[in-house]
C-alpha atoms as a PDB file:
ATOM      1  CA  UNK A   1      -4.630 -10.885 -27.042  1.00  0.00           C
ATOM      2  CA  UNK A   2      -5.357 -14.423 -28.482  1.00  0.00           C
ATOM      3  CA  UNK A   3      -4.668 -17.441 -26.722  1.00  0.00           C
ATOM      4  CA  UNK A   4      -2.308 -18.554 -29.155  1.00  0.00           C
ATOM      5  CA  UNK A   5      -0.290 -15.729 -28.688  1.00  0.00           C
ATOM      6  CA  UNK A   6      -0.146 -15.917 -24.850  1.00  0.00           C
ATOM      7  CA  UNK A   7       0.774 -19.788 -25.077  1.00  0.00           C
ATOM      8  CA  UNK A   8       3.499 -19.039 -27.566  1.00  0.00           C
ATOM      9  CA  UNK A   9       5.129 -16.188 -25.428  1.00  0.00           C
ATOM     10  CA  UNK A  10       4.962 -18.337 -22.096  1.00  0.00           C
ATOM     11  CA  UNK A  11       6.311 -21.421 -24.078  1.00  0.00           C
ATOM     12  CA  UNK A  12       9.174 -19.015 -25.395  1.00  0.00           C
ATOM     13  CA  UNK A  13       9.771 -17.528 -21.974  1.00  0.00           C
ATOM     14  CA  UNK A  14       9.956 -20.838 -20.545  1.00  0.00           C
ATOM     15  CA  UNK A  15      12.482 -22.234 -22.695  1.00  0.00           C
ATOM     16  CA  UNK A  16      14.470 -19.144 -22.414  1.00  0.00           C
ATOM     17  CA  UNK A  17      14.822 -19.539 -18.475  1.00  0.00           C
ATOM     18  CA  UNK A  18      15.352 -22.896 -18.665  1.00  0.00           C
ATOM     19  CA  UNK A  19      18.562 -22.279 -21.371  1.00  0.00           C
ATOM     20  CA  UNK A  20      19.759 -19.619 -18.858  1.00  0.00           C
ATOM     21  CA  UNK A  21      19.422 -22.019 -15.799  1.00  0.00           C
ATOM     22  CA  UNK A  22      21.106 -25.017 -17.571  1.00  0.00           C
ATOM     23  CA  UNK A  23      23.725 -23.400 -19.532  1.00  0.00           C
ATOM     24  CA  UNK A  24      24.994 -20.037 -17.891  1.00  0.00           C
ATOM     25  CA  UNK A  25      27.129 -20.967 -14.816  1.00  0.00           C
ATOM     26  CA  UNK A  26      25.650 -18.789 -11.977  1.00  0.00           C
ATOM     27  CA  UNK A  27      25.458 -18.985  -7.902  1.00  0.00           C
ATOM     28  CA  UNK A  28      22.486 -20.576  -7.015  1.00  0.00           C
ATOM     29  CA  UNK A  29      20.838 -17.183  -5.054  1.00  0.00           C
ATOM     30  CA  UNK A  30      21.301 -15.449  -8.097  1.00  0.00           C
ATOM     31  CA  UNK A  31      19.273 -18.160 -10.394  1.00  0.00           C
ATOM     32  CA  UNK A  32      16.597 -18.075  -7.764  1.00  0.00           C
ATOM     33  CA  UNK A  33      16.487 -14.262  -8.047  1.00  0.00           C
ATOM     34  CA  UNK A  34      16.236 -14.346 -11.581  1.00  0.00           C
ATOM     35  CA  UNK A  35      13.622 -17.176 -11.568  1.00  0.00           C
ATOM     36  CA  UNK A  36      11.299 -14.966  -9.218  1.00  0.00           C
ATOM     37  CA  UNK A  37      11.866 -12.034 -11.303  1.00  0.00           C
ATOM     38  CA  UNK A  38      11.037 -13.353 -14.667  1.00  0.00           C
ATOM     39  CA  UNK A  39       7.717 -15.239 -13.066  1.00  0.00           C
ATOM     40  CA  UNK A  40       6.456 -12.284 -11.355  1.00  0.00           C
ATOM     41  CA  UNK A  41       7.057 -10.036 -14.623  1.00  0.00           C
ATOM     42  CA  UNK A  42       5.206 -12.839 -16.557  1.00  0.00           C
ATOM     43  CA  UNK A  43       2.502 -12.905 -13.899  1.00  0.00           C
ATOM     44  CA  UNK A  44       2.001  -9.074 -14.123  1.00  0.00           C
ATOM     45  CA  UNK A  45       2.080  -9.051 -17.954  1.00  0.00           C
ATOM     46  CA  UNK A  46      -0.817 -11.527 -18.119  1.00  0.00           C
ATOM     47  CA  UNK A  47      -2.759  -9.707 -15.491  1.00  0.00           C
ATOM     48  CA  UNK A  48      -2.394  -6.855 -17.963  1.00  0.00           C
ATOM     49  CA  UNK A  49      -2.908  -8.567 -21.194  1.00  0.00           C
ATOM     50  CA  UNK A  50      -6.235  -9.926 -19.476  1.00  0.00           C
ATOM     51  CA  UNK A  51      -7.323  -6.434 -18.391  1.00  0.00           C
ATOM     52  CA  UNK A  52      -7.160  -7.200 -14.468  1.00  0.00           C
ATOM     53  CA  UNK A  53      -4.475  -4.272 -14.075  1.00  0.00           C
ATOM     54  CA  UNK A  54      -4.962  -0.875 -15.640  1.00  0.00           C
ATOM     55  CA  UNK A  55      -2.316   1.116 -17.233  1.00  0.00           C
ATOM     56  CA  UNK A  56      -1.627   2.834 -13.953  1.00  0.00           C
ATOM     57  CA  UNK A  57      -1.242  -0.362 -12.036  1.00  0.00           C
ATOM     58  CA  UNK A  58      -4.405  -0.293 -10.198  1.00  0.00           C
ATOM     59  CA  UNK A  59      -6.544  -3.673  -9.957  1.00  0.00           C
ATOM     60  CA  UNK A  60      -9.834  -3.468 -11.349  1.00  0.00           C
ATOM     61  CA  UNK A  61     -12.646  -5.692 -10.055  1.00  0.00           C
ATOM     62  CA  UNK A  62     -15.850  -6.404 -11.323  1.00  0.00           C
ATOM     63  CA  UNK A  63     -18.982  -4.896  -9.873  1.00  0.00           C
ATOM     64  CA  UNK A  64     -21.056  -6.925  -8.125  1.00  0.00           C
ATOM     65  CA  UNK A  65     -24.940  -6.258  -8.444  1.00  0.00           C
END
């Protein structure tokens, strides 16, 4: 995964989340939950993309020598 694709995806997700928050009328609690879900999903995607999370969801730590 290249840095350019990561930045592009983060910009697209941010703009889409901003558009949903600005133009779709929702209760504040629902918007908060939606924001948290999107942020957690993006963080998990980044951790998986950079190899911190394995396929099964386990966290891989580097070995200390």
